PDB file of N, CA and C in Angstrom:
ATOM      1  N   UNK A   1     211.883 102.246 151.400  1.00  0.00           N
ATOM      2  CA  UNK A   1     211.475 102.503 152.762  1.00  0.00           C
ATOM      3  C   UNK A   1     212.472 103.428 153.474  1.00  0.00           C
ATOM      4  N   UNK A   2     213.750 103.188 153.273  1.00  0.00           N
ATOM      5  CA  UNK A   2     214.783 103.989 153.946  1.00  0.00           C
ATOM      6  C   UNK A   2     215.461 104.977 153.001  1.00  0.00           C
ATOM      7  N   UNK A   3     214.795 105.313 151.913  1.00  0.00           N
ATOM      8  CA  UNK A   3     215.401 106.172 150.885  1.00  0.00           C
ATOM      9  C   UNK A   3     215.866 107.520 151.426  1.00  0.00           C
ATOM     10  N   UNK A   4     215.235 108.003 152.480  1.00  0.00           N
ATOM     11  CA  UNK A   4     215.623 109.285 153.071  1.00  0.00           C
ATOM     12  C   UNK A   4     216.769 109.149 154.071  1.00  0.00           C
ATOM     13  N   UNK A   5     217.275 107.937 154.227  1.00  0.00           N
ATOM     14  CA  UNK A   5     218.348 107.665 155.184  1.00  0.00           C
ATOM     15  C   UNK A   5     219.480 106.900 154.492  1.00  0.00           C
ATOM     16  N   UNK A   6     220.206 107.559 153.579  1.00  0.00           N
ATOM     17  CA  UNK A   6     221.248 106.859 152.820  1.00  0.00           C
ATOM     18  C   UNK A   6     222.350 106.264 153.699  1.00  0.00           C
ATOM     19  N   UNK A   7     222.624 106.898 154.837  1.00  0.00           N
ATOM     20  CA  UNK A   7     223.653 106.353 155.723  1.00  0.00           C
ATOM     21  C   UNK A   7     223.204 105.022 156.322  1.00  0.00           C
ATOM     22  N   UNK A   8     221.922 104.860 156.544  1.00  0.00           N
ATOM     23  CA  UNK A   8     221.404 103.588 157.044  1.00  0.00           C
ATOM     24  C   UNK A   8     221.484 102.521 155.953  1.00  0.00           C
ATOM     25  N   UNK A   9     221.156 102.909 154.736  1.00  0.00           N
ATOM     26  CA  UNK A   9     221.243 101.973 153.608  1.00  0.00           C
ATOM     27  C   UNK A   9     222.689 101.515 153.433  1.00  0.00           C
ATOM     28  N   UNK A  10     223.614 102.441 153.571  1.00  0.00           N
ATOM     29  CA  UNK A  10     225.035 102.102 153.448  1.00  0.00           C
ATOM     30  C   UNK A  10     225.452 101.112 154.532  1.00  0.00           C
ATOM     31  N   UNK A  11     224.998 101.315 155.744  1.00  0.00           N
ATOM     32  CA  UNK A  11     225.336 100.395 156.837  1.00  0.00           C
ATOM     33  C   UNK A  11     224.741  99.013 156.598  1.00  0.00           C
ATOM     34  N   UNK A  12     223.530  98.959 156.056  1.00  0.00           N
ATOM     35  CA  UNK A  12     222.923  97.667 155.722  1.00  0.00           C
ATOM     36  C   UNK A  12     223.715  96.978 154.611  1.00  0.00           C
ATOM     37  N   UNK A  13     224.136  97.749 153.617  1.00  0.00           N
ATOM     38  CA  UNK A  13     224.927  97.186 152.518  1.00  0.00           C
ATOM     39  C   UNK A  13     226.254  96.645 153.030  1.00  0.00           C
ATOM     40  N   UNK A  14     226.889  97.376 153.934  1.00  0.00           N
ATOM     41  CA  UNK A  14     228.148  96.909 154.522  1.00  0.00           C
ATOM     42  C   UNK A  14     227.937  95.596 155.266  1.00  0.00           C
ATOM     43  N   UNK A  15     226.828  95.485 155.969  1.00  0.00           N
ATOM     44  CA  UNK A  15     226.525  94.240 156.684  1.00  0.00           C
ATOM     45  C   UNK A  15     226.366  93.088 155.701  1.00  0.00           C
ATOM     46  N   UNK A  16     225.642  93.328 154.616  1.00  0.00           N
ATOM     47  CA  UNK A  16     225.464  92.275 153.610  1.00  0.00           C
ATOM     48  C   UNK A  16     226.792  91.912 152.949  1.00  0.00           C
ATOM     49  N   UNK A  17     227.609  92.906 152.660  1.00  0.00           N
ATOM     50  CA  UNK A  17     228.919  92.639 152.054  1.00  0.00           C
ATOM     51  C   UNK A  17     229.802  91.813 152.977  1.00  0.00           C
ATOM     52  N   UNK A  18     229.641  91.986 154.275  1.00  0.00           N
ATOM     53  CA  UNK A  18     230.477  91.255 155.230  1.00  0.00           C
ATOM     54  C   UNK A  18     230.178  89.759 155.234  1.00  0.00           C
ATOM     55  N   UNK A  19     229.019  89.366 154.734  1.00  0.00           N
ATOM     56  CA  UNK A  19     228.676  87.939 154.689  1.00  0.00           C
ATOM     57  C   UNK A  19     229.689  87.197 153.823  1.00  0.00           C
ATOM     58  N   UNK A  20     230.081  87.802 152.724  1.00  0.00           N
ATOM     59  CA  UNK A  20     231.041  87.171 151.815  1.00  0.00           C
ATOM     60  C   UNK A  20     232.403  86.996 152.480  1.00  0.00           C
ATOM     61  N   UNK A  21     232.764  87.906 153.373  1.00  0.00           N
ATOM     62  CA  UNK A  21     234.093  87.909 153.974  1.00  0.00           C
ATOM     63  C   UNK A  21     234.105  87.354 155.401  1.00  0.00           C
ATOM     64  N   UNK A  22     233.052  86.674 155.787  1.00  0.00           N
ATOM     65  CA  UNK A  22     232.984  86.160 157.161  1.00  0.00           C
ATOM     66  C   UNK A  22     234.041  85.075 157.375  1.00  0.00           C
ATOM     67  N   UNK A  23     234.543  85.006 158.592  1.00  0.00           N
ATOM     68  CA  UNK A  23     235.581  84.027 158.923  1.00  0.00           C
ATOM     69  C   UNK A  23     234.989  82.644 159.128  1.00  0.00           C
ATOM     70  N   UNK A  24     233.837  82.584 159.781  1.00  0.00           N
ATOM     71  CA  UNK A  24     233.205  81.296 160.067  1.00  0.00           C
ATOM     72  C   UNK A  24     232.208  81.011 158.957  1.00  0.00           C
ATOM     73  N   UNK A  25     232.506  80.017 158.160  1.00  0.00           N
ATOM     74  CA  UNK A  25     231.679  79.713 156.989  1.00  0.00           C
ATOM     75  C   UNK A  25     230.652  78.618 157.276  1.00  0.00           C
ATOM     76  N   UNK A  26     230.592  78.127 158.513  1.00  0.00           N
ATOM     77  CA  UNK A  26     229.678  77.023 158.810  1.00  0.00           C
ATOM     78  C   UNK A  26     228.215  77.459 158.834  1.00  0.00           C
ATOM     79  N   UNK A  27     227.952  78.717 159.158  1.00  0.00           N
ATOM     80  CA  UNK A  27     226.572  79.206 159.137  1.00  0.00           C
ATOM     81  C   UNK A  27     226.155  79.468 157.698  1.00  0.00           C
ATOM     82  N   UNK A  28     224.930  79.083 157.346  1.00  0.00           N
ATOM     83  CA  UNK A  28     224.457  79.346 155.981  1.00  0.00           C
ATOM     84  C   UNK A  28     224.457  80.852 155.700  1.00  0.00           C
ATOM     85  N   UNK A  29     224.899  81.265 154.514  1.00  0.00           N
ATOM     86  CA  UNK A  29     225.037  82.695 154.225  1.00  0.00           C
ATOM     87  C   UNK A  29     223.724  83.473 154.295  1.00  0.00           C
ATOM     88  N   UNK A  30     222.620  82.881 153.861  1.00  0.00           N
ATOM     89  CA  UNK A  30     221.349  83.608 153.918  1.00  0.00           C
ATOM     90  C   UNK A  30     220.968  83.903 155.360  1.00  0.00           C
ATOM     91  N   UNK A  31     221.074  82.898 156.221  1.00  0.00           N
ATOM     92  CA  UNK A  31     220.733  83.098 157.629  1.00  0.00           C
ATOM     93  C   UNK A  31     221.658  84.128 158.268  1.00  0.00           C
ATOM     94  N   UNK A  32     222.939  84.051 157.917  1.00  0.00           N
ATOM     95  CA  UNK A  32     223.894  85.030 158.433  1.00  0.00           C
ATOM     96  C   UNK A  32     223.506  86.440 158.002  1.00  0.00           C
ATOM     97  N   UNK A  33     223.132  86.586 156.737  1.00  0.00           N
ATOM     98  CA  UNK A  33     222.715  87.897 156.222  1.00  0.00           C
ATOM     99  C   UNK A  33     221.491  88.414 156.962  1.00  0.00           C
ATOM    100  N   UNK A  34     220.521  87.550 157.193  1.00  0.00           N
ATOM    101  CA  UNK A  34     219.306  87.957 157.907  1.00  0.00           C
ATOM    102  C   UNK A  34     219.655  88.388 159.323  1.00  0.00           C
ATOM    103  N   UNK A  35     220.506  87.633 160.001  1.00  0.00           N
ATOM    104  CA  UNK A  35     220.901  87.997 161.366  1.00  0.00           C
ATOM    105  C   UNK A  35     221.590  89.358 161.384  1.00  0.00           C
ATOM    106  N   UNK A  36     222.461  89.595 160.413  1.00  0.00           N
ATOM    107  CA  UNK A  36     223.163  90.881 160.352  1.00  0.00           C
ATOM    108  C   UNK A  36     222.202  92.031 160.062  1.00  0.00           C
ATOM    109  N   UNK A  37     221.271  91.808 159.146  1.00  0.00           N
ATOM    110  CA  UNK A  37     220.270  92.842 158.858  1.00  0.00           C
ATOM    111  C   UNK A  37     219.438  93.147 160.097  1.00  0.00           C
ATOM    112  N   UNK A  38     219.000  92.088 160.783  1.00  0.00           N
ATOM    113  CA  UNK A  38     218.206  92.286 161.999  1.00  0.00           C
ATOM    114  C   UNK A  38     218.996  93.066 163.042  1.00  0.00           C
ATOM    115  N   UNK A  39     220.266  92.734 163.177  1.00  0.00           N
ATOM    116  CA  UNK A  39     221.113  93.424 164.149  1.00  0.00           C
ATOM    117  C   UNK A  39     221.248  94.908 163.803  1.00  0.00           C
ATOM    118  N   UNK A  40     221.489  95.208 162.530  1.00  0.00           N
ATOM    119  CA  UNK A  40     221.581  96.611 162.095  1.00  0.00           C
ATOM    120  C   UNK A  40     220.277  97.347 162.360  1.00  0.00           C
ATOM    121  N   UNK A  41     219.183  96.726 161.971  1.00  0.00           N
ATOM    122  CA  UNK A  41     217.882  97.376 162.133  1.00  0.00           C
ATOM    123  C   UNK A  41     217.536  97.572 163.607  1.00  0.00           C
ATOM    124  N   UNK A  42     217.914  96.608 164.451  1.00  0.00           N
ATOM    125  CA  UNK A  42     217.722  96.790 165.893  1.00  0.00           C
ATOM    126  C   UNK A  42     218.514  98.003 166.381  1.00  0.00           C
ATOM    127  N   UNK A  43     219.726  98.157 165.853  1.00  0.00           N
ATOM    128  CA  UNK A  43     220.539  99.323 166.199  1.00  0.00           C
ATOM    129  C   UNK A  43     219.896 100.624 165.750  1.00  0.00           C
ATOM    130  N   UNK A  44     219.307 100.616 164.554  1.00  0.00           N
ATOM    131  CA  UNK A  44     218.622 101.814 164.059  1.00  0.00           C
ATOM    132  C   UNK A  44     217.454 102.182 164.969  1.00  0.00           C
ATOM    133  N   UNK A  45     216.734 101.172 165.433  1.00  0.00           N
ATOM    134  CA  UNK A  45     215.607 101.418 166.344  1.00  0.00           C
ATOM    135  C   UNK A  45     216.118 102.040 167.639  1.00  0.00           C
ATOM    136  N   UNK A  46     217.185 101.477 168.179  1.00  0.00           N
ATOM    137  CA  UNK A  46     217.747 102.013 169.427  1.00  0.00           C
ATOM    138  C   UNK A  46     218.209 103.455 169.255  1.00  0.00           C
ATOM    139  N   UNK A  47     218.894 103.723 168.149  1.00  0.00           N
ATOM    140  CA  UNK A  47     219.353 105.088 167.886  1.00  0.00           C
ATOM    141  C   UNK A  47     218.169 106.047 167.760  1.00  0.00           C
ATOM    142  N   UNK A  48     217.138 105.619 167.053  1.00  0.00           N
ATOM    143  CA  UNK A  48     215.959 106.476 166.866  1.00  0.00           C
ATOM    144  C   UNK A  48     215.238 106.704 168.194  1.00  0.00           C
ATOM    145  N   UNK A  49     215.197 105.674 169.040  1.00  0.00           N
ATOM    146  CA  UNK A  49     214.549 105.799 170.351  1.00  0.00           C
ATOM    147  C   UNK A  49     215.306 106.800 171.229  1.00  0.00           C
ATOM    148  N   UNK A  50     216.625 106.713 171.218  1.00  0.00           N
ATOM    149  CA  UNK A  50     217.449 107.639 172.001  1.00  0.00           C
ATOM    150  C   UNK A  50     217.266 109.069 171.498  1.00  0.00           C
ATOM    151  N   UNK A  51     217.263 109.222 170.171  1.00  0.00           N
ATOM    152  CA  UNK A  51     217.065 110.553 169.587  1.00  0.00           C
ATOM    153  C   UNK A  51     215.688 111.105 169.948  1.00  0.00           C
ATOM    154  N   UNK A  52     214.670 110.262 169.874  1.00  0.00           N
ATOM    155  CA  UNK A  52     213.314 110.693 170.218  1.00  0.00           C
ATOM    156  C   UNK A  52     213.253 111.159 171.668  1.00  0.00           C
ATOM    157  N   UNK A  53     213.860 110.415 172.573  1.00  0.00           N
ATOM    158  CA  UNK A  53     213.853 110.805 173.986  1.00  0.00           C
ATOM    159  C   UNK A  53     214.545 112.155 174.183  1.00  0.00           C
ATOM    160  N   UNK A  54     215.644 112.361 173.480  1.00  0.00           N
ATOM    161  CA  UNK A  54     216.361 113.634 173.597  1.00  0.00           C
ATOM    162  C   UNK A  54     215.527 114.789 173.053  1.00  0.00           C
ATOM    163  N   UNK A  55     214.861 114.552 171.939  1.00  0.00           N
ATOM    164  CA  UNK A  55     214.046 115.602 171.324  1.00  0.00           C
ATOM    165  C   UNK A  55     212.813 115.899 172.177  1.00  0.00           C
ATOM    166  N   UNK A  56     212.256 114.874 172.794  1.00  0.00           N
ATOM    167  CA  UNK A  56     211.081 115.090 173.652  1.00  0.00           C
ATOM    168  C   UNK A  56     211.410 116.042 174.797  1.00  0.00           C
ATOM    169  N   UNK A  57     212.644 115.997 175.257  1.00  0.00           N
ATOM    170  CA  UNK A  57     213.058 116.899 176.335  1.00  0.00           C
ATOM    171  C   UNK A  57     213.058 118.356 175.878  1.00  0.00           C
ATOM    172  N   UNK A  58     213.185 118.574 174.571  1.00  0.00           N
ATOM    173  CA  UNK A  58     213.196 119.944 174.047  1.00  0.00           C
ATOM    174  C   UNK A  58     211.796 120.543 173.957  1.00  0.00           C
ATOM    175  N   UNK A  59     210.789 119.696 173.982  1.00  0.00           N
ATOM    176  CA  UNK A  59     209.381 120.120 173.903  1.00  0.00           C
ATOM    177  C   UNK A  59     209.039 120.845 172.593  1.00  0.00           C
ATOM    178  N   UNK A  60     209.807 120.618 171.540  1.00  0.00           N
ATOM    179  CA  UNK A  60     209.512 121.206 170.232  1.00  0.00           C
ATOM    180  C   UNK A  60     208.643 120.222 169.451  1.00  0.00           C
ATOM    181  N   UNK A  61     207.386 120.565 169.284  1.00  0.00           N
ATOM    182  CA  UNK A  61     206.411 119.647 168.692  1.00  0.00           C
ATOM    183  C   UNK A  61     206.831 119.145 167.315  1.00  0.00           C
ATOM    184  N   UNK A  62     207.326 120.030 166.487  1.00  0.00           N
ATOM    185  CA  UNK A  62     207.711 119.634 165.121  1.00  0.00           C
ATOM    186  C   UNK A  62     208.868 118.634 165.146  1.00  0.00           C
ATOM    187  N   UNK A  63     209.865 118.890 165.970  1.00  0.00           N
ATOM    188  CA  UNK A  63     211.015 117.989 166.085  1.00  0.00           C
ATOM    189  C   UNK A  63     210.607 116.650 166.677  1.00  0.00           C
ATOM    190  N   UNK A  64     209.714 116.696 167.643  1.00  0.00           N
ATOM    191  CA  UNK A  64     209.224 115.462 168.260  1.00  0.00           C
ATOM    192  C   UNK A  64     208.487 114.619 167.230  1.00  0.00           C
ATOM    193  N   UNK A  65     207.638 115.249 166.439  1.00  0.00           N
ATOM    194  CA  UNK A  65     206.877 114.520 165.418  1.00  0.00           C
ATOM    195  C   UNK A  65     207.816 113.880 164.402  1.00  0.00           C
ATOM    196  N   UNK A  66     208.849 114.610 163.989  1.00  0.00           N
ATOM    197  CA  UNK A  66     209.803 114.080 163.011  1.00  0.00           C
ATOM    198  C   UNK A  66     210.589 112.909 163.601  1.00  0.00           C
ATOM    199  N   UNK A  67     211.029 113.040 164.834  1.00  0.00           N
ATOM    200  CA  UNK A  67     211.776 111.965 165.490  1.00  0.00           C
ATOM    201  C   UNK A  67     210.889 110.744 165.712  1.00  0.00           C
ATOM    202  N   UNK A  68     209.627 110.978 166.040  1.00  0.00           N
ATOM    203  CA  UNK A  68     208.685 109.874 166.227  1.00  0.00           C
ATOM    204  C   UNK A  68     208.439 109.145 164.906  1.00  0.00           C
ATOM    205  N   UNK A  69     208.331 109.898 163.822  1.00  0.00           N
ATOM    206  CA  UNK A  69     208.175 109.294 162.486  1.00  0.00           C
ATOM    207  C   UNK A  69     209.366 108.403 162.161  1.00  0.00           C
ATOM    208  N   UNK A  70     210.560 108.898 162.444  1.00  0.00           N
ATOM    209  CA  UNK A  70     211.769 108.115 162.167  1.00  0.00           C
ATOM    210  C   UNK A  70     211.779 106.844 163.001  1.00  0.00           C
ATOM    211  N   UNK A  71     211.426 106.953 164.276  1.00  0.00           N
ATOM    212  CA  UNK A  71     211.384 105.775 165.144  1.00  0.00           C
ATOM    213  C   UNK A  71     210.409 104.738 164.592  1.00  0.00           C
ATOM    214  N   UNK A  72     209.223 105.184 164.204  1.00  0.00           N
ATOM    215  CA  UNK A  72     208.221 104.257 163.666  1.00  0.00           C
ATOM    216  C   UNK A  72     208.683 103.631 162.356  1.00  0.00           C
ATOM    217  N   UNK A  73     209.359 104.414 161.521  1.00  0.00           N
ATOM    218  CA  UNK A  73     209.878 103.893 160.258  1.00  0.00           C
ATOM    219  C   UNK A  73     210.924 102.816 160.511  1.00  0.00           C
ATOM    220  N   UNK A  74     211.834 103.063 161.441  1.00  0.00           N
ATOM    221  CA  UNK A  74     212.871 102.078 161.746  1.00  0.00           C
ATOM    222  C   UNK A  74     212.245 100.810 162.315  1.00  0.00           C
ATOM    223  N   UNK A  75     211.229 100.971 163.127  1.00  0.00           N
ATOM    224  CA  UNK A  75     210.527  99.818 163.685  1.00  0.00           C
ATOM    225  C   UNK A  75     209.850  99.030 162.569  1.00  0.00           C
ATOM    226  N   UNK A  76     209.238  99.730 161.636  1.00  0.00           N
ATOM    227  CA  UNK A  76     208.564  99.082 160.507  1.00  0.00           C
ATOM    228  C   UNK A  76     209.583  98.373 159.605  1.00  0.00           C
ATOM    229  N   UNK A  77     210.742  98.984 159.412  1.00  0.00           N
ATOM    230  CA  UNK A  77     211.786  98.368 158.590  1.00  0.00           C
ATOM    231  C   UNK A  77     212.254  97.049 159.200  1.00  0.00           C
ATOM    232  N   UNK A  78     212.263  96.964 160.521  1.00  0.00           N
ATOM    233  CA  UNK A  78     212.701  95.754 161.224  1.00  0.00           C
ATOM    234  C   UNK A  78     211.595  94.705 161.300  1.00  0.00           C
ATOM    235  N   UNK A  79     210.366  95.111 161.119  1.00  0.00           N
ATOM    236  CA  UNK A  79     209.213  94.231 161.280  1.00  0.00           C
ATOM    237  C   UNK A  79     209.191  93.115 160.240  1.00  0.00           C
ATOM    238  N   UNK A  80     208.750  91.951 160.670  1.00  0.00           N
ATOM    239  CA  UNK A  80     208.550  90.831 159.760  1.00  0.00           C
ATOM    240  C   UNK A  80     207.422  91.077 158.784  1.00  0.00           C
ATOM    241  N   UNK A  81     206.574  92.038 159.088  1.00  0.00           N
ATOM    242  CA  UNK A  81     205.485  92.410 158.181  1.00  0.00           C
ATOM    243  C   UNK A  81     205.822  93.667 157.391  1.00  0.00           C
ATOM    244  N   UNK A  82     207.024  94.174 157.573  1.00  0.00           N
ATOM    245  CA  UNK A  82     207.448  95.394 156.880  1.00  0.00           C
ATOM    246  C   UNK A  82     208.683  95.117 156.051  1.00  0.00           C
ATOM    247  N   UNK A  83     209.782  95.744 156.426  1.00  0.00           N
ATOM    248  CA  UNK A  83     211.011  95.641 155.655  1.00  0.00           C
ATOM    249  C   UNK A  83     211.638  94.264 155.606  1.00  0.00           C
ATOM    250  N   UNK A  84     211.431  93.458 156.637  1.00  0.00           N
ATOM    251  CA  UNK A  84     212.025  92.121 156.671  1.00  0.00           C
ATOM    252  C   UNK A  84     211.086  91.061 156.092  1.00  0.00           C
ATOM    253  N   UNK A  85     210.033  91.497 155.446  1.00  0.00           N
ATOM    254  CA  UNK A  85     209.040  90.553 154.919  1.00  0.00           C
ATOM    255  C   UNK A  85     209.472  89.911 153.611  1.00  0.00           C
ATOM    256  N   UNK A  86     209.891  90.664 152.647  1.00  0.00           N
ATOM    257  CA  UNK A  86     210.150  90.142 151.308  1.00  0.00           C
ATOM    258  C   UNK A  86     211.613  89.862 151.045  1.00  0.00           C
ATOM    259  N   UNK A  87     212.140  88.827 151.639  1.00  0.00           N
ATOM    260  CA  UNK A  87     213.561  88.537 151.488  1.00  0.00           C
ATOM    261  C   UNK A  87     213.831  87.426 150.477  1.00  0.00           C
ATOM    262  N   UNK A  88     212.855  87.111 149.639  1.00  0.00           N
ATOM    263  CA  UNK A  88     213.035  86.018 148.682  1.00  0.00           C
ATOM    264  C   UNK A  88     214.161  86.308 147.684  1.00  0.00           C
ATOM    265  N   UNK A  89     214.326  87.570 147.279  1.00  0.00           N
ATOM    266  CA  UNK A  89     215.414  87.905 146.352  1.00  0.00           C
ATOM    267  C   UNK A  89     216.773  87.714 147.017  1.00  0.00           C
ATOM    268  N   UNK A  90     216.872  88.053 148.286  1.00  0.00           N
ATOM    269  CA  UNK A  90     218.111  87.845 149.024  1.00  0.00           C
ATOM    270  C   UNK A  90     218.392  86.348 149.145  1.00  0.00           C
ATOM    271  N   UNK A  91     217.358  85.578 149.432  1.00  0.00           N
ATOM    272  CA  UNK A  91     217.500  84.121 149.520  1.00  0.00           C
ATOM    273  C   UNK A  91     218.004  83.554 148.194  1.00  0.00           C
ATOM    274  N   UNK A  92     217.386  83.980 147.104  1.00  0.00           N
ATOM    275  CA  UNK A  92     217.790  83.499 145.777  1.00  0.00           C
ATOM    276  C   UNK A  92     219.231  83.893 145.465  1.00  0.00           C
ATOM    277  N   UNK A  93     219.626  85.095 145.866  1.00  0.00           N
ATOM    278  CA  UNK A  93     221.004  85.536 145.641  1.00  0.00           C
ATOM    279  C   UNK A  93     221.985  84.577 146.310  1.00  0.00           C
ATOM    280  N   UNK A  94     221.721  84.221 147.549  1.00  0.00           N
ATOM    281  CA  UNK A  94     222.646  83.349 148.266  1.00  0.00           C
ATOM    282  C   UNK A  94     222.552  81.898 147.808  1.00  0.00           C
ATOM    283  N   UNK A  95     221.479  81.527 147.148  1.00  0.00           N
ATOM    284  CA  UNK A  95     221.413  80.197 146.545  1.00  0.00           C
ATOM    285  C   UNK A  95     222.360  80.112 145.345  1.00  0.00           C
ATOM    286  N   UNK A  96     222.457  81.201 144.604  1.00  0.00           N
ATOM    287  CA  UNK A  96     223.313  81.254 143.418  1.00  0.00           C
ATOM    288  C   UNK A  96     224.759  81.591 143.797  1.00  0.00           C
ATOM    289  N   UNK A  97     224.937  82.381 144.856  1.00  0.00           N
ATOM    290  CA  UNK A  97     226.265  82.852 145.282  1.00  0.00           C
ATOM    291  C   UNK A  97     226.553  82.431 146.722  1.00  0.00           C
ATOM    292  N   UNK A  98     226.775  81.148 146.945  1.00  0.00           N
ATOM    293  CA  UNK A  98     226.999  80.703 148.339  1.00  0.00           C
ATOM    294  C   UNK A  98     228.285  81.166 148.865  1.00  0.00           C
TER     295      UNK A  98
END
């Protein structure tokens, strides 16, 4: 889904890696990972929204369409019916690696 945005994938990976190094271990790791992913994806949506607003001011149709596509993609990635839907592999990972 985010293959065209390697920097976003890297930020998501960093968030997941931080679960292992968290200071407060009382929260279950899977839930912590989901919260961190949601937080990152919310940030991506905000960044895309800001970029879209800036591009809309330029009135360049092609740039607006591209920025709108990115915004919709980030929104879909955050959606429970999109990118956040199939987290069973992540759940299984944290069951084996608490």
